[in-house]
Structures are given as C-alpha cells and as structure tokens.
Amino acid sequence: MFLWEFLIVCGIIFLITEIFVPGMFFLNFALASFICAPISVFVKSNFALVVIFFILSFVSFIFLRPILIRRFNKNTETGLNSKYIGQTAKAETDINSDSGTISIYGERWDARSDNGEVISAGENVEIVRNESIIMYVIKKV
C-alpha cells in the first residue's frame, strides 16, 4: 500500500469517527490527511509528512474549527433564555427592586427592576435576565 492510500484511509476513518463523536475535533485530522495524501506523492520523507500533517491539523483546529462551530451552532440557548430574555413585556403593576409583575405571551410573571428604577404600570419593559421564576427588567426606551 502506498503512503497516499494510507492517508486517504486515515482521512475516511477520521470522518467516520467525527460522525460518532461530535465536536468537530476529528474533522481537523481528516482534512489534514486528505491534504497530505497528494503531498506524499512528492515528499518522500516520512518525518516531513508527519510534520506537515501536524501543522495542517493545528492550523485547521485554530482557524477552521471556530468557523464551523459558529456555522452549525446557531442558537444553543434553551428554556427561558431563548424565549424571554431580550423581549418586550408590559408592566402589569408598578415594578421596583422588591416587587412587581409583567405580562408577556399572555403569561404573568413576577418581576423586579434590574437597576432599581421604579417602573409604572402599563409601561413597556425589556427582560434582561431571570432568576428562577423572577424576571429582571429595565424600562424600554
């Protein structure tokens, strides 16, 4: 078996491994294997090929992996954060740092002023964070 064939087989094995072990880690090795395969036809030194393989793997890990992770992991937030944080709600009662309620999506939630400002009933507020079932809000500008 020629070295380039071995590198292609290794690349395929890395791709299969990436399917079963998510995280875009083995994809870097697969890419380096596929790039090293045609280079191995011209470079006869095994040591040089190993160095090229590790350099390509490292460069791919540093530059390509973050791009792919951002591309495929668009929204990782779940639960309250993805549905409520950053949304506009209406103050049902006066809201201060100790008490208050808001309504959003037809639901009523306990609310507190995040910056200590008193918010009057009927004003629009923005939800900035939550702790358990209490939403912390600021006055919507």
C-alpha atoms as a PDB file:
ATOM      1  CA  MET A   1       0.000   0.000   0.000  1.00  0.00           C
ATOM      2  CA  PHE A   2       1.319   3.410  -0.938  1.00  0.00           C
ATOM      3  CA  LEU A   3       1.524   6.191   1.613  1.00  0.00           C
ATOM      4  CA  TRP A   4      -1.088   8.333  -0.133  1.00  0.00           C
ATOM      5  CA  GLU A   5      -3.566   5.440   0.037  1.00  0.00           C
ATOM      6  CA  PHE A   6      -2.870   5.056   3.740  1.00  0.00           C
ATOM      7  CA  LEU A   7      -3.538   8.773   4.284  1.00  0.00           C
ATOM      8  CA  ILE A   8      -6.838   8.589   2.388  1.00  0.00           C
ATOM      9  CA  VAL A   9      -7.918   5.605   4.520  1.00  0.00           C
ATOM     10  CA  CYS A  10      -6.930   7.506   7.676  1.00  0.00           C
ATOM     11  CA  GLY A  11      -8.951  10.518   6.484  1.00  0.00           C
ATOM     12  CA  ILE A  12     -12.012   8.334   5.937  1.00  0.00           C
ATOM     13  CA  ILE A  13     -11.590   6.777   9.395  1.00  0.00           C
ATOM     14  CA  PHE A  14     -11.341  10.264  10.936  1.00  0.00           C
ATOM     15  CA  LEU A  15     -14.528  11.316   9.116  1.00  0.00           C
ATOM     16  CA  ILE A  16     -16.399   8.254  10.375  1.00  0.00           C
ATOM     17  CA  THR A  17     -15.112   8.910  13.883  1.00  0.00           C
ATOM     18  CA  GLU A  18     -16.349  12.510  13.629  1.00  0.00           C
ATOM     19  CA  ILE A  19     -19.848  11.228  12.887  1.00  0.00           C
ATOM     20  CA  PHE A  20     -19.957   9.263  16.133  1.00  0.00           C
ATOM     21  CA  VAL A  21     -18.011  11.718  18.319  1.00  0.00           C
ATOM     22  CA  PRO A  22     -19.462  15.208  17.764  1.00  0.00           C
ATOM     23  CA  GLY A  23     -17.442  18.313  18.456  1.00  0.00           C
ATOM     24  CA  MET A  24     -15.636  18.875  15.156  1.00  0.00           C
ATOM     25  CA  PHE A  25     -12.354  17.573  16.537  1.00  0.00           C
ATOM     26  CA  PHE A  26     -11.563  14.640  14.250  1.00  0.00           C
ATOM     27  CA  LEU A  27     -12.650  16.664  11.215  1.00  0.00           C
ATOM     28  CA  ASN A  28      -9.366  18.576  11.502  1.00  0.00           C
ATOM     29  CA  PHE A  29      -7.354  15.351  11.260  1.00  0.00           C
ATOM     30  CA  ALA A  30      -9.438  14.172   8.309  1.00  0.00           C
ATOM     31  CA  LEU A  31      -8.792  17.419   6.461  1.00  0.00           C
ATOM     32  CA  ALA A  32      -5.062  17.201   7.196  1.00  0.00           C
ATOM     33  CA  SER A  33      -5.000  13.574   5.975  1.00  0.00           C
ATOM     34  CA  PHE A  34      -6.727  14.447   2.716  1.00  0.00           C
ATOM     35  CA  ILE A  35      -4.338  17.354   2.090  1.00  0.00           C
ATOM     36  CA  CYS A  36      -1.261  15.280   2.966  1.00  0.00           C
ATOM     37  CA  ALA A  37      -2.247  12.467   0.562  1.00  0.00           C
ATOM     38  CA  PRO A  38      -1.289  14.288  -2.675  1.00  0.00           C
ATOM     39  CA  ILE A  39       1.712  15.889  -0.960  1.00  0.00           C
ATOM     40  CA  SER A  40       3.011  12.411  -0.085  1.00  0.00           C
ATOM     41  CA  VAL A  41       3.484  11.655  -3.783  1.00  0.00           C
ATOM     42  CA  PHE A  42       6.142  14.374  -3.992  1.00  0.00           C
ATOM     43  CA  VAL A  43       7.609  14.303  -0.469  1.00  0.00           C
ATOM     44  CA  LYS A  44       9.367  11.019   0.312  1.00  0.00           C
ATOM     45  CA  SER A  45      10.409  11.783   3.895  1.00  0.00           C
ATOM     46  CA  ASN A  46       8.004  10.282   6.415  1.00  0.00           C
ATOM     47  CA  PHE A  47       9.210  12.700   9.082  1.00  0.00           C
ATOM     48  CA  ALA A  48       8.409  15.676   6.842  1.00  0.00           C
ATOM     49  CA  LEU A  49       4.916  14.299   6.164  1.00  0.00           C
ATOM     50  CA  VAL A  50       4.253  13.844   9.867  1.00  0.00           C
ATOM     51  CA  VAL A  51       5.325  17.441  10.487  1.00  0.00           C
ATOM     52  CA  ILE A  52       3.115  18.669   7.628  1.00  0.00           C
ATOM     53  CA  PHE A  53       0.207  16.605   8.959  1.00  0.00           C
ATOM     54  CA  PHE A  54       0.502  18.074  12.455  1.00  0.00           C
ATOM     55  CA  ILE A  55       0.928  21.623  11.156  1.00  0.00           C
ATOM     56  CA  LEU A  56      -2.172  21.267   8.958  1.00  0.00           C
ATOM     57  CA  SER A  57      -4.120  19.737  11.857  1.00  0.00           C
ATOM     58  CA  PHE A  58      -3.096  22.572  14.165  1.00  0.00           C
ATOM     59  CA  VAL A  59      -3.917  25.301  11.634  1.00  0.00           C
ATOM     60  CA  SER A  60      -7.266  23.665  10.899  1.00  0.00           C
ATOM     61  CA  PHE A  61      -8.012  23.362  14.619  1.00  0.00           C
ATOM     62  CA  ILE A  62      -7.158  27.007  15.303  1.00  0.00           C
ATOM     63  CA  PHE A  63      -8.838  28.621  12.275  1.00  0.00           C
ATOM     64  CA  LEU A  64     -11.420  26.270  10.758  1.00  0.00           C
ATOM     65  CA  ARG A  65     -12.985  24.738  13.879  1.00  0.00           C
ATOM     66  CA  PRO A  66     -14.288  28.037  15.352  1.00  0.00           C
ATOM     67  CA  ILE A  67     -15.824  28.966  11.995  1.00  0.00           C
ATOM     68  CA  LEU A  68     -17.568  25.602  11.678  1.00  0.00           C
ATOM     69  CA  ILE A  69     -18.801  25.664  15.265  1.00  0.00           C
ATOM     70  CA  ARG A  70     -20.322  29.129  14.767  1.00  0.00           C
ATOM     71  CA  ARG A  71     -21.856  27.982  11.484  1.00  0.00           C
ATOM     72  CA  PHE A  72     -23.531  24.857  12.830  1.00  0.00           C
ATOM     73  CA  ASN A  73     -24.400  26.001  16.380  1.00  0.00           C
ATOM     74  CA  LYS A  74     -26.588  28.991  15.582  1.00  0.00           C
ATOM     75  CA  ASN A  75     -28.716  29.026  18.747  1.00  0.00           C
ATOM     76  CA  THR A  76     -27.657  26.975  21.719  1.00  0.00           C
ATOM     77  CA  GLU A  77     -29.891  28.730  24.230  1.00  0.00           C
ATOM     78  CA  THR A  78     -32.831  26.798  25.540  1.00  0.00           C
ATOM     79  CA  GLY A  79     -35.629  27.362  28.001  1.00  0.00           C
ATOM     80  CA  LEU A  80     -36.295  30.800  29.433  1.00  0.00           C
ATOM     81  CA  ASN A  81     -33.232  32.431  27.925  1.00  0.00           C
ATOM     82  CA  SER A  82     -34.210  31.818  24.323  1.00  0.00           C
ATOM     83  CA  LYS A  83     -37.890  32.675  24.766  1.00  0.00           C
ATOM     84  CA  TYR A  84     -37.926  35.647  27.131  1.00  0.00           C
ATOM     85  CA  ILE A  85     -34.544  37.366  27.520  1.00  0.00           C
ATOM     86  CA  GLY A  86     -34.349  40.476  25.366  1.00  0.00           C
ATOM     87  CA  GLN A  87     -38.122  40.514  24.714  1.00  0.00           C
ATOM     88  CA  THR A  88     -40.508  43.370  25.395  1.00  0.00           C
ATOM     89  CA  ALA A  89     -43.198  42.888  28.039  1.00  0.00           C
ATOM     90  CA  LYS A  90     -45.803  45.107  29.664  1.00  0.00           C
ATOM     91  CA  ALA A  91     -45.706  46.092  33.329  1.00  0.00           C
ATOM     92  CA  GLU A  92     -48.957  44.951  34.944  1.00  0.00           C
ATOM     93  CA  THR A  93     -48.192  46.606  38.278  1.00  0.00           C
ATOM     94  CA  ASP A  94     -45.605  49.116  39.445  1.00  0.00           C
ATOM     95  CA  ILE A  95     -42.200  47.455  39.392  1.00  0.00           C
ATOM     96  CA  ASN A  96     -39.367  48.252  41.787  1.00  0.00           C
ATOM     97  CA  SER A  97     -36.431  46.289  43.176  1.00  0.00           C
ATOM     98  CA  ASP A  98     -38.712  44.368  45.586  1.00  0.00           C
ATOM     99  CA  SER A  99     -41.978  43.652  43.747  1.00  0.00           C
ATOM    100  CA  GLY A 100     -43.950  43.885  40.543  1.00  0.00           C
ATOM    101  CA  THR A 101     -45.469  41.832  37.736  1.00  0.00           C
ATOM    102  CA  ILE A 102     -45.246  41.773  33.952  1.00  0.00           C
ATOM    103  CA  SER A 103     -47.190  40.062  31.199  1.00  0.00           C
ATOM    104  CA  ILE A 104     -45.685  38.507  28.098  1.00  0.00           C
ATOM    105  CA  TYR A 105     -47.155  35.949  25.667  1.00  0.00           C
ATOM    106  CA  GLY A 106     -50.355  36.004  27.724  1.00  0.00           C
ATOM    107  CA  GLU A 107     -48.454  34.878  30.815  1.00  0.00           C
ATOM    108  CA  ARG A 108     -47.988  36.758  34.067  1.00  0.00           C
ATOM    109  CA  TRP A 109     -44.561  36.775  35.740  1.00  0.00           C
ATOM    110  CA  ASP A 110     -43.136  38.228  38.930  1.00  0.00           C
ATOM    111  CA  ALA A 111     -40.704  40.989  38.017  1.00  0.00           C
ATOM    112  CA  ARG A 112     -38.083  43.173  39.634  1.00  0.00           C
ATOM    113  CA  SER A 113     -36.336  46.288  38.388  1.00  0.00           C
ATOM    114  CA  ASP A 114     -32.795  45.343  37.413  1.00  0.00           C
ATOM    115  CA  ASN A 115     -31.342  48.799  38.032  1.00  0.00           C
ATOM    116  CA  GLY A 116     -33.541  49.829  40.979  1.00  0.00           C
ATOM    117  CA  GLU A 117     -35.599  52.266  38.895  1.00  0.00           C
ATOM    118  CA  VAL A 118     -39.348  52.399  39.583  1.00  0.00           C
ATOM    119  CA  ILE A 119     -41.357  51.409  36.508  1.00  0.00           C
ATOM    120  CA  SER A 120     -45.026  52.407  36.367  1.00  0.00           C
ATOM    121  CA  ALA A 121     -47.839  50.025  35.466  1.00  0.00           C
ATOM    122  CA  GLY A 122     -48.611  49.983  31.743  1.00  0.00           C
ATOM    123  CA  GLU A 123     -45.085  50.827  30.598  1.00  0.00           C
ATOM    124  CA  ASN A 124     -43.142  48.623  28.232  1.00  0.00           C
ATOM    125  CA  VAL A 125     -40.133  46.868  29.732  1.00  0.00           C
ATOM    126  CA  GLU A 126     -37.305  44.747  28.385  1.00  0.00           C
ATOM    127  CA  ILE A 127     -36.442  41.482  30.127  1.00  0.00           C
ATOM    128  CA  VAL A 128     -32.688  41.386  30.760  1.00  0.00           C
ATOM    129  CA  ARG A 129     -32.297  38.273  32.914  1.00  0.00           C
ATOM    130  CA  ASN A 130     -34.129  35.860  35.144  1.00  0.00           C
ATOM    131  CA  GLU A 131     -33.518  34.124  38.433  1.00  0.00           C
ATOM    132  CA  SER A 132     -35.794  31.135  38.823  1.00  0.00           C
ATOM    133  CA  ILE A 133     -39.309  32.485  38.182  1.00  0.00           C
ATOM    134  CA  ILE A 134     -38.493  36.177  38.660  1.00  0.00           C
ATOM    135  CA  MET A 135     -37.811  38.299  35.589  1.00  0.00           C
ATOM    136  CA  TYR A 136     -35.484  41.259  35.940  1.00  0.00           C
ATOM    137  CA  VAL A 137     -36.477  44.126  33.678  1.00  0.00           C
ATOM    138  CA  ILE A 138     -35.463  47.621  32.618  1.00  0.00           C
ATOM    139  CA  LYS A 139     -37.642  50.390  31.212  1.00  0.00           C
ATOM    140  CA  LYS A 140     -37.919  50.085  27.424  1.00  0.00           C
ATOM    141  CA  VAL A 141     -36.607  53.217  25.734  1.00  0.00           C
END
